Protein backbone atom coordinates (compact mmCIF):
# COMPACT_ATOMS: atom_id res chain seq x y z
CA UNK A 1 50.65 -11.19 250.36
CA UNK A 2 48.35 -8.33 248.12
CA UNK A 3 47.57 -8.20 244.62
CA UNK A 4 46.05 -6.09 242.07
CA UNK A 5 42.92 -6.73 239.73
CA UNK A 6 43.56 -4.72 236.13
CA UNK A 7 40.76 -3.87 233.35
CA UNK A 8 42.42 -5.12 230.67
CA UNK A 9 40.47 -2.06 228.41
CA UNK A 10 42.79 0.59 229.66
CA UNK A 11 45.09 -1.09 232.07
CA UNK A 12 43.83 1.10 235.28
CA UNK A 13 43.88 -1.06 238.46
CA UNK A 14 40.33 -2.13 239.82
CA UNK A 15 41.29 -2.92 243.09
CA UNK A 16 43.74 -4.29 245.70
CA UNK A 17 42.94 -7.62 247.33
CA UNK A 18 44.81 -9.77 250.16
CA UNK A 19 45.68 -13.53 250.23
CA UNK A 20 43.89 -15.50 253.02
CA UNK A 21 46.28 -16.46 255.81
CA UNK A 22 46.67 -20.17 256.86
CA UNK A 23 44.70 -19.16 259.84
CA UNK A 24 41.52 -17.43 257.76
CA UNK A 25 41.64 -20.04 255.37
CA UNK A 26 41.12 -22.91 258.16
CA UNK A 27 38.54 -20.83 259.95
CA UNK A 28 36.38 -21.04 256.59
CA UNK A 29 37.18 -24.67 256.08
CA UNK A 30 35.64 -24.91 259.38
CA UNK A 31 32.76 -22.72 258.26
CA UNK A 32 32.36 -25.17 255.28
CA UNK A 33 32.27 -28.33 258.31
CA UNK A 34 29.59 -26.60 260.11
CA UNK A 35 27.65 -25.52 257.27
CA UNK A 36 27.59 -28.92 256.07
CA UNK A 37 26.16 -30.44 258.97
CA UNK A 38 22.95 -28.31 258.65
CA UNK A 39 22.49 -28.17 254.81
CA UNK A 40 22.93 -31.78 253.89
CA UNK A 41 19.63 -32.38 256.57
CA UNK A 42 17.56 -29.70 254.72
CA UNK A 43 14.37 -30.16 253.09
CA UNK A 44 14.80 -30.55 248.88
CA UNK A 45 12.17 -27.94 248.83
CA UNK A 46 13.86 -25.32 251.07
CA UNK A 47 16.91 -25.67 248.60
CA UNK A 48 14.78 -25.35 245.91
CA UNK A 49 13.49 -22.13 247.31
CA UNK A 50 16.51 -20.70 248.03
CA UNK A 51 18.05 -21.51 244.33
CA UNK A 52 15.00 -19.52 243.00
CA UNK A 53 15.89 -16.55 245.20
CA UNK A 54 19.18 -17.02 243.76
CA UNK A 55 18.10 -17.14 240.77
CA UNK A 56 15.56 -14.05 241.06
CA UNK A 57 18.71 -11.90 242.14
CA UNK A 58 20.81 -12.75 239.22
CA UNK A 59 18.12 -11.14 236.72
CA UNK A 60 16.99 -8.11 238.98
CA UNK A 61 20.54 -7.14 239.59
CA UNK A 62 22.16 -8.79 236.09
CA UNK A 63 23.36 -5.15 234.81
CA UNK A 64 25.24 -4.63 238.30
CA UNK A 65 26.98 -8.29 237.68
CA UNK A 66 27.58 -7.93 234.37
CA UNK A 67 29.58 -4.60 235.08
CA UNK A 68 31.48 -6.19 237.44
CA UNK A 69 32.70 -9.22 234.55
CA UNK A 70 33.12 -6.70 231.98
CA UNK A 71 35.40 -4.89 233.86
CA UNK A 72 38.09 -7.48 235.78
CA UNK A 73 37.90 -9.74 231.98
CA UNK A 74 36.91 -7.48 229.39
CA UNK A 75 34.22 -9.00 227.59
CA UNK A 76 31.57 -6.62 225.74
CA UNK A 77 28.63 -5.66 228.57
CA UNK A 78 25.83 -7.35 225.96
CA UNK A 79 28.12 -10.97 226.31
CA UNK A 80 28.19 -10.50 230.20
CA UNK A 81 24.49 -9.97 230.32
CA UNK A 82 23.93 -13.00 228.43
CA UNK A 83 26.07 -14.90 231.11
CA UNK A 84 24.42 -13.82 233.65
CA UNK A 85 20.90 -14.20 232.05
CA UNK A 86 22.61 -18.36 231.52
CA UNK A 87 22.81 -18.90 234.94
CA UNK A 88 19.28 -17.71 235.97
CA UNK A 89 18.30 -20.19 233.51
CA UNK A 90 20.56 -22.97 234.76
CA UNK A 91 19.25 -22.22 238.53
CA UNK A 92 15.71 -22.96 236.69
CA UNK A 93 16.48 -25.57 234.79
CA UNK A 94 17.98 -27.40 238.12
CA UNK A 95 15.04 -26.44 240.51
CA UNK A 96 12.55 -28.22 237.84
CA UNK A 97 14.93 -31.76 237.70
CA UNK A 98 16.46 -32.22 240.96
CA UNK A 99 14.01 -34.13 242.62
CA UNK A 100 13.28 -36.43 240.01
CA UNK A 101 16.96 -36.85 239.53
CA UNK A 102 17.61 -37.66 243.55
CA UNK A 103 14.71 -40.22 243.72
CA UNK A 104 15.74 -43.83 244.64
CA UNK A 105 16.35 -45.91 242.10
CA UNK A 106 14.84 -49.23 242.30
CA UNK A 107 16.12 -52.16 241.51
CA UNK A 108 14.74 -55.38 240.98
CA UNK A 109 16.45 -58.31 243.09
CA UNK A 110 15.09 -61.33 245.00
CA UNK A 111 15.59 -59.08 248.23
CA UNK A 112 12.84 -57.71 249.70
CA UNK A 113 13.60 -54.15 248.60
CA UNK A 114 16.74 -53.29 247.11
CA UNK A 115 17.44 -49.50 245.71
CA UNK A 116 19.96 -47.20 245.14
CA UNK A 117 20.32 -43.91 247.06
CA UNK A 118 22.10 -40.38 246.44
CA UNK A 119 23.38 -38.82 249.43
CA UNK A 120 25.92 -35.66 249.63
CA UNK A 121 29.09 -35.88 250.34
CA UNK A 122 30.43 -32.75 251.70
CA UNK A 123 32.43 -29.56 250.60
CA UNK A 124 33.32 -29.67 246.83
CA UNK A 125 36.19 -27.34 246.23
CA UNK A 126 35.98 -25.92 242.50
CA UNK A 127 38.91 -24.06 241.14
CA UNK A 128 37.41 -21.74 238.15
CA UNK A 129 38.50 -19.62 235.45
CA UNK A 130 37.56 -16.11 234.43
CA UNK A 131 36.54 -16.30 230.74
CA UNK A 132 33.31 -17.04 231.89
CA UNK A 133 33.58 -16.11 235.53
CA UNK A 134 29.64 -16.30 236.29
CA UNK A 135 28.65 -19.37 234.62
CA UNK A 136 31.56 -21.63 235.19
CA UNK A 137 31.15 -21.24 238.49
CA UNK A 138 27.25 -21.72 238.77
CA UNK A 139 27.11 -24.83 236.41
CA UNK A 140 29.33 -26.56 239.22
CA UNK A 141 27.99 -24.93 242.72
CA UNK A 142 24.12 -24.72 241.70
CA UNK A 143 23.92 -28.70 240.97
CA UNK A 144 25.76 -29.65 244.06
CA UNK A 145 24.13 -27.00 246.23
CA UNK A 146 20.75 -28.66 245.30
CA UNK A 147 22.13 -32.05 246.59
CA UNK A 148 23.25 -31.39 249.63
CA UNK A 149 26.74 -30.57 249.25
CA UNK A 150 28.58 -26.86 250.23
CA UNK A 151 30.88 -25.02 247.86
CA UNK A 152 34.08 -23.78 248.52
CA UNK A 153 35.03 -21.39 245.37
CA UNK A 154 38.85 -20.52 244.22
CA UNK A 155 38.63 -18.50 241.64
CA UNK A 156 40.70 -17.39 239.01
CA UNK A 157 42.77 -13.96 240.28
CA UNK A 158 41.98 -11.39 237.77
CA UNK A 159 38.13 -12.26 238.94
CA UNK A 160 38.47 -11.94 242.10
CA UNK A 161 35.64 -9.23 241.89
CA UNK A 162 33.34 -11.37 240.69
CA UNK A 163 33.65 -14.35 243.16
CA UNK A 164 33.06 -12.27 245.94
CA UNK A 165 30.01 -10.44 243.94
CA UNK A 166 28.76 -14.27 243.82
CA UNK A 167 29.40 -14.95 247.76
CA UNK A 168 27.09 -11.74 248.51
CA UNK A 169 24.51 -12.73 245.92
CA UNK A 170 23.99 -16.32 247.59
CA UNK A 171 24.23 -14.49 251.35
CA UNK A 172 21.63 -11.74 250.00
CA UNK A 173 19.61 -14.93 248.81
CA UNK A 174 19.75 -16.03 252.12
CA UNK A 175 21.62 -19.26 252.10
CA UNK A 176 23.03 -20.02 255.04
CA UNK A 177 26.39 -19.00 256.17
CA UNK A 178 29.20 -21.52 254.51
CA UNK A 179 27.27 -22.94 252.10
CA UNK A 180 28.87 -20.92 249.50
CA UNK A 181 32.34 -19.43 250.20
CA UNK A 182 34.48 -17.42 248.03
CA UNK A 183 38.53 -17.86 248.96
CA UNK A 184 41.07 -15.32 247.65
CA UNK A 185 43.33 -17.86 248.05
CA UNK A 186 47.21 -18.17 246.41
CA UNK A 187 47.47 -21.41 244.59
CA UNK A 188 50.26 -22.32 246.79
CA UNK A 189 47.53 -23.09 249.07
CA UNK A 190 45.22 -25.30 247.00
CA UNK A 191 46.78 -28.53 248.13
CA UNK A 192 45.93 -27.48 251.85
CA UNK A 193 42.31 -27.11 250.83
CA UNK A 194 42.12 -30.66 248.99
CA UNK A 195 43.60 -32.34 251.97
CA UNK A 196 41.20 -30.82 254.55
CA UNK A 197 38.58 -33.99 255.54
CA UNK A 198 35.71 -31.58 254.99
CA UNK A 199 36.29 -31.87 251.25
CA UNK A 200 35.22 -34.48 249.37
CA UNK A 201 35.83 -33.35 245.85
CA UNK A 202 37.68 -31.21 243.65
CA UNK A 203 36.29 -29.91 240.11
CA UNK A 204 38.63 -27.73 237.71
CA UNK A 205 38.23 -25.65 234.86
CA UNK A 206 41.37 -24.51 232.85
CA UNK A 207 44.42 -25.27 231.10
CA UNK A 208 45.83 -28.48 230.86
CA UNK A 209 48.85 -28.19 233.12
CA UNK A 210 46.51 -27.17 236.02
CA UNK A 211 44.48 -29.77 235.18
CA UNK A 212 47.26 -32.22 235.63
CA UNK A 213 49.00 -30.85 238.74
CA UNK A 214 45.34 -30.32 240.56
CA UNK A 215 44.46 -34.09 239.63
CA UNK A 216 47.54 -35.62 241.04
CA UNK A 217 46.09 -33.48 244.23
CA UNK A 218 42.87 -35.10 243.81
CA UNK A 219 44.70 -38.28 243.51
CA UNK A 220 47.25 -37.78 246.28
CA UNK A 221 44.08 -36.92 249.38
CA UNK A 222 42.01 -39.40 247.16
CA UNK A 223 39.32 -37.10 246.44
CA UNK A 224 36.82 -37.38 243.46
CA UNK A 225 37.63 -35.15 240.54
CA UNK A 226 36.10 -33.89 237.87
CA UNK A 227 38.52 -31.63 234.99
CA UNK A 228 37.39 -29.46 232.38
CA UNK A 229 40.64 -28.17 230.03
CA UNK A 230 41.34 -27.14 226.70
CA UNK A 231 40.31 -27.87 223.68
CA UNK A 232 41.29 -27.22 219.82
CA UNK A 233 37.82 -27.98 218.84
CA UNK A 234 37.35 -28.87 214.98
CA UNK A 235 34.81 -27.28 213.03
CA UNK A 236 34.49 -29.51 209.57
CA UNK A 237 32.85 -28.46 206.68
CA UNK A 238 31.65 -30.68 204.16
CA UNK A 239 31.58 -30.21 200.14
CA UNK A 240 26.91 -30.58 200.57
CA UNK A 241 26.78 -27.94 203.51
CA UNK A 242 25.11 -24.97 203.60
CA UNK A 243 28.35 -22.92 203.41
CA UNK A 244 26.97 -19.02 203.52
CA UNK A 245 25.47 -20.88 207.22
CA UNK A 246 28.68 -22.54 208.19
CA UNK A 247 31.03 -19.81 207.85
CA UNK A 248 28.41 -17.47 209.99
CA UNK A 249 28.18 -19.51 212.46
CA UNK A 250 32.59 -20.46 212.41
CA UNK A 251 32.78 -17.09 212.66
CA UNK A 252 30.42 -16.37 215.86
CA UNK A 253 31.31 -19.36 217.51
CA UNK A 254 35.37 -18.34 217.15
CA UNK A 255 35.31 -14.99 218.15
CA UNK A 256 32.56 -14.92 221.06
CA UNK A 257 34.34 -14.11 224.28
CA UNK A 258 36.95 -12.91 221.84
CA UNK A 259 37.90 -16.21 221.39
CA UNK A 260 38.60 -17.22 224.94
CA UNK A 261 36.32 -20.04 224.91
CA UNK A 262 37.73 -23.97 225.11
CA UNK A 263 34.56 -25.05 222.99
CA UNK A 264 35.46 -22.57 220.26
CA UNK A 265 35.69 -23.70 217.00
CA UNK A 266 39.35 -23.25 216.28
CA UNK A 267 40.37 -25.47 213.42
CA UNK A 268 37.74 -25.48 210.33
CA UNK A 269 38.62 -28.41 208.16
CA UNK A 270 36.89 -27.87 204.55
CA UNK A 271 36.64 -30.28 201.63
CA UNK A 272 38.67 -28.50 198.68
CA UNK A 273 35.29 -28.34 196.22
CA UNK A 274 34.04 -25.55 198.56
CA UNK A 275 36.75 -23.94 200.30
CA UNK A 276 36.80 -21.19 198.65
CA UNK A 277 33.86 -20.14 199.22
CA UNK A 278 33.63 -20.69 202.70
CA UNK A 279 37.19 -18.66 202.89
CA UNK A 280 35.30 -15.75 201.38
CA UNK A 281 32.52 -15.95 203.37
CA UNK A 282 34.65 -16.51 206.73
CA UNK A 283 36.46 -13.25 206.04
CA UNK A 284 33.08 -11.29 204.96
CA UNK A 285 31.65 -12.41 208.44
CA UNK A 286 35.38 -11.35 210.48
CA UNK A 287 35.08 -8.21 208.62
CA UNK A 288 31.70 -7.26 209.59
CA UNK A 289 32.89 -7.70 213.64
CA UNK A 290 32.53 -4.41 215.57
CA UNK A 291 34.80 -3.37 217.79
CA UNK A 292 34.33 -0.19 220.21
CA UNK A 293 33.46 0.58 223.92
CA UNK A 294 32.48 -2.48 226.07
CA UNK A 295 30.01 -0.54 227.39
CA UNK A 296 28.59 -0.07 223.84
CA UNK A 297 25.70 -2.90 223.58
CA UNK A 298 26.12 -3.41 219.79
CA UNK A 299 30.20 -4.01 220.10
CA UNK A 300 31.16 -7.66 219.55
CA UNK A 301 34.76 -8.16 220.27
CA UNK A 302 36.05 -7.45 223.63
CA UNK A 303 39.93 -7.50 224.93
CA UNK A 304 41.95 -10.22 225.70
CA UNK A 305 41.97 -10.50 229.09
CA UNK A 306 45.64 -10.13 230.36
CA UNK A 307 48.22 -8.69 228.85
CA UNK A 308 50.36 -11.54 228.78
CA UNK A 309 47.60 -13.53 227.46
CA UNK A 310 48.02 -11.54 223.92
CA UNK A 311 51.68 -11.93 224.31
CA UNK A 312 51.16 -15.65 224.24
CA UNK A 313 48.59 -15.64 220.88
CA UNK A 314 50.93 -13.23 219.29
CA UNK A 315 53.99 -15.58 219.71
CA UNK A 316 51.82 -18.01 218.69
CA UNK A 317 50.50 -16.07 215.33
CA UNK A 318 53.82 -15.54 214.78
CA UNK A 319 55.00 -19.73 214.72
CA UNK A 320 51.63 -19.81 212.45
CA UNK A 321 53.63 -18.15 209.81
CA UNK A 322 56.61 -19.46 210.26
CA UNK A 323 55.16 -22.81 209.99
CA UNK A 324 54.09 -21.85 206.57
CA UNK A 325 50.50 -20.32 207.55
CA UNK A 326 49.21 -17.72 205.35
CA UNK A 327 47.17 -14.70 207.29
CA UNK A 328 44.18 -14.31 205.39
CA UNK A 329 42.53 -11.41 207.16
CA UNK A 330 43.70 -9.80 210.45
CA UNK A 331 46.63 -10.44 212.74
CA UNK A 332 47.11 -6.81 214.68
CA UNK A 333 47.47 -5.73 217.79
CA UNK A 334 46.96 -3.12 220.22
CA UNK A 335 47.77 -3.78 223.54
CA UNK A 336 45.37 -6.04 224.53
CA UNK A 337 43.43 -5.87 221.70
CA UNK A 338 43.63 -8.34 218.90
CA UNK A 339 41.63 -8.34 215.50
CA UNK A 340 39.94 -11.00 214.51
CA UNK A 341 42.06 -13.15 211.91
CA UNK A 342 42.17 -15.81 209.91
CA UNK A 343 44.89 -17.90 208.76
CA UNK A 344 45.03 -20.69 206.30
CA UNK A 345 47.69 -23.72 206.82
CA UNK A 346 47.99 -26.70 204.38
CA UNK A 347 46.67 -29.99 205.92
CA UNK A 348 50.56 -30.88 206.47
CA UNK A 349 51.12 -28.16 209.25
CA UNK A 350 49.75 -29.54 212.30
CA UNK A 351 50.88 -26.56 214.69
CA UNK A 352 47.19 -25.94 215.88
CA UNK A 353 46.40 -29.06 216.29
CA UNK A 354 48.51 -28.99 219.41
CA UNK A 355 48.19 -25.64 220.42
CA UNK A 356 44.69 -23.84 221.78
CA UNK A 357 44.74 -20.55 220.34
CA UNK A 358 42.78 -19.21 223.32
CA UNK A 359 42.17 -15.83 221.27
CA UNK A 360 40.40 -14.67 218.59
CA UNK A 361 42.47 -16.56 215.33
CA UNK A 362 40.69 -19.00 212.95
CA UNK A 363 42.86 -21.51 211.29
CA UNK A 364 41.40 -23.24 208.04
CA UNK A 365 42.55 -26.35 206.57
CA UNK A 366 41.63 -27.40 203.13
CA UNK A 367 41.33 -31.09 202.33
CA UNK A 368 40.62 -33.56 199.82
CA UNK A 369 38.10 -36.22 201.11
CA UNK A 370 35.29 -36.90 204.16
CA UNK A 371 38.42 -39.39 205.61
CA UNK A 372 40.78 -36.61 205.72
CA UNK A 373 38.27 -34.46 207.53
CA UNK A 374 37.82 -36.83 210.44
CA UNK A 375 41.71 -38.01 210.38
CA UNK A 376 42.59 -34.10 211.03
CA UNK A 377 39.89 -33.78 213.01
CA UNK A 378 40.69 -36.63 215.31
CA UNK A 379 44.70 -35.65 215.02
CA UNK A 380 44.98 -33.76 218.19
CA UNK A 381 45.73 -34.56 221.99
CA UNK A 382 42.51 -32.74 222.84
CA UNK A 383 38.48 -33.81 222.99
CA UNK A 384 36.54 -31.52 223.59
CA UNK A 385 33.54 -30.38 221.15
CA UNK A 386 33.32 -30.53 217.34
CA UNK A 387 30.72 -29.32 214.60
CA UNK A 388 29.80 -31.16 211.72
CA UNK A 389 28.55 -29.20 208.51
CA UNK A 390 26.61 -31.00 205.95
CA UNK A 391 22.78 -31.36 204.07
CA UNK A 392 23.01 -35.10 204.42
CA UNK A 393 22.53 -35.92 208.16
CA UNK A 394 22.96 -39.31 208.17
CA UNK A 395 26.30 -38.87 206.71
CA UNK A 396 27.03 -36.13 209.48
CA UNK A 397 26.01 -38.38 212.07
CA UNK A 398 28.43 -41.11 210.89
CA UNK A 399 31.37 -38.70 210.78
CA UNK A 400 30.28 -37.50 214.13
CA UNK A 401 30.06 -40.97 214.82
CA UNK A 402 34.39 -41.45 214.63
CA UNK A 403 34.97 -37.96 215.97
CA UNK A 404 36.54 -37.95 219.35
CA UNK A 405 35.09 -35.66 221.39
CA UNK A 406 32.53 -34.92 224.18
CA UNK A 407 30.52 -32.88 222.21
CA UNK A 408 29.52 -32.92 218.29
CA UNK A 409 26.74 -30.39 216.88
CA UNK A 410 25.73 -30.89 213.55
CA UNK A 411 24.45 -27.73 211.64
CA UNK A 412 25.49 -25.75 214.78
CA UNK A 413 28.06 -24.97 216.70
CA UNK A 414 29.13 -26.54 220.02
CA UNK A 415 27.95 -24.45 222.78
CA UNK A 416 27.32 -25.15 226.63
CA UNK A 417 23.88 -26.16 227.16
CA UNK A 418 22.43 -27.01 230.91
CA UNK A 419 20.28 -29.93 229.59
CA UNK A 420 22.90 -31.66 228.28
CA UNK A 421 26.37 -33.42 229.50
CA UNK A 422 28.83 -31.68 229.07
CA UNK A 423 33.10 -32.25 229.68
CA UNK A 424 35.61 -34.21 227.48
CA UNK A 425 38.14 -37.10 226.47
CA UNK A 426 42.00 -37.04 225.90
CA UNK A 427 43.71 -34.43 227.33
CA UNK A 428 40.59 -31.99 227.67
CA UNK A 429 39.62 -34.06 230.87
CA UNK A 430 37.22 -36.44 232.50
CA UNK A 431 33.83 -36.47 234.28
CA UNK A 432 30.45 -34.49 233.27
CA UNK A 433 29.05 -31.23 234.36
CA UNK A 434 25.82 -30.21 233.32
CA UNK A 435 22.46 -32.15 232.79
CA UNK A 436 21.24 -34.98 235.59
CA UNK A 437 24.91 -35.55 235.03
CA UNK A 438 26.11 -32.83 237.37
CA UNK A 439 23.53 -34.06 240.16
CA UNK A 440 25.56 -37.04 240.25
CA UNK A 441 29.15 -36.74 239.99
CA UNK A 442 29.88 -35.70 243.55
CA UNK A 443 27.58 -37.79 245.59
CA UNK A 444 27.83 -41.11 247.48
CA UNK A 445 26.10 -43.74 245.24
CA UNK A 446 24.33 -45.49 247.94
CA UNK A 447 23.35 -49.26 247.10
CA UNK A 448 20.26 -50.66 250.25
CA UNK A 449 19.13 -53.92 249.91
CA UNK A 450 17.08 -55.34 252.62
CA UNK A 451 16.63 -59.25 253.31
């Protein structure tokens, strides 16, 4: 069965691909099995050396990789380059912390010796999205490869070229065959991979429905899983905030990656005393956003990655209007291009709380009190990230403690950083990526004691 990848900017066919047959898939699974037998016993120093090779290639060939990202999913080239550079910094981070993180943890006891060790488990199957096609893969692949696991990748169909480019990169960095494999896989064959004995864990970044489906398969076959799903992240602006800075950061967060980011600020919840100033500043920021050729390094906004995604966003905007929302700026569509938009809704309107707007639309709600800020922020099935803006840091931390989310940024916007654990609560998923947590998600935490 064949499929095509399409350039979202001009709708031209990039390339045609063929899904793996069952026979080809099982060959690759066997390759993972054989690679793991060797890789799990490789020294940590050797693994670190090879991941450093990966880092160097990322930096040397970053424009080559960035061009593939931009062509396949439609983000401006400057953002694609930044994504590749971020992957290189992630490699560096894990090279530096992996040894300490995997050291045996001594435990005081009545035994002669007692400790916890961290052993690899097998192949980790990653089902990854198109919106950050390199970063999403690297943040699960690098820590797992360093702990001695091998990696199987099923990428989003529209970024198949990126997945194969990454496999080439790992091979060029001289990692053994089978340690990193990209599977051009029909989603109907997902279960075939998960049930295979070599697969020890499953990690997915994607939509809530996809997460429910894959998590149920992981449960069926008793495989450890991590789910990083959607979000409707609140951006809370208290009346004592620096409003100009808050508006600038709110718009930047909402529009980065053309708004196609799970952790971007989506709901701006603002105290009424500063609402007019915030809205004016936000509109000014939106109107300064530069569109243009994706290969122009000054371009700040790109295209929706697929036509159906643009259709969905257009329908969501119509529904916001029907439910009483007022479009303050933007709201226009031209093919896969959607103009940056800001919609004002009243505080009783919960549409945006329950719908993830995966595109360049921000929703602003004006509230009367600090209690309402928290109440509306938490009135959502999602719990990925949140931001709180206030000059009173103690108060901001008190608000942060009450927010139901995996990450809260104070006087900043939410971002994924290799140093900090990343993940959500409620319908935004479970488990954690990044930081040392990622090195411990898919290992056998083994207790050893000697009498």
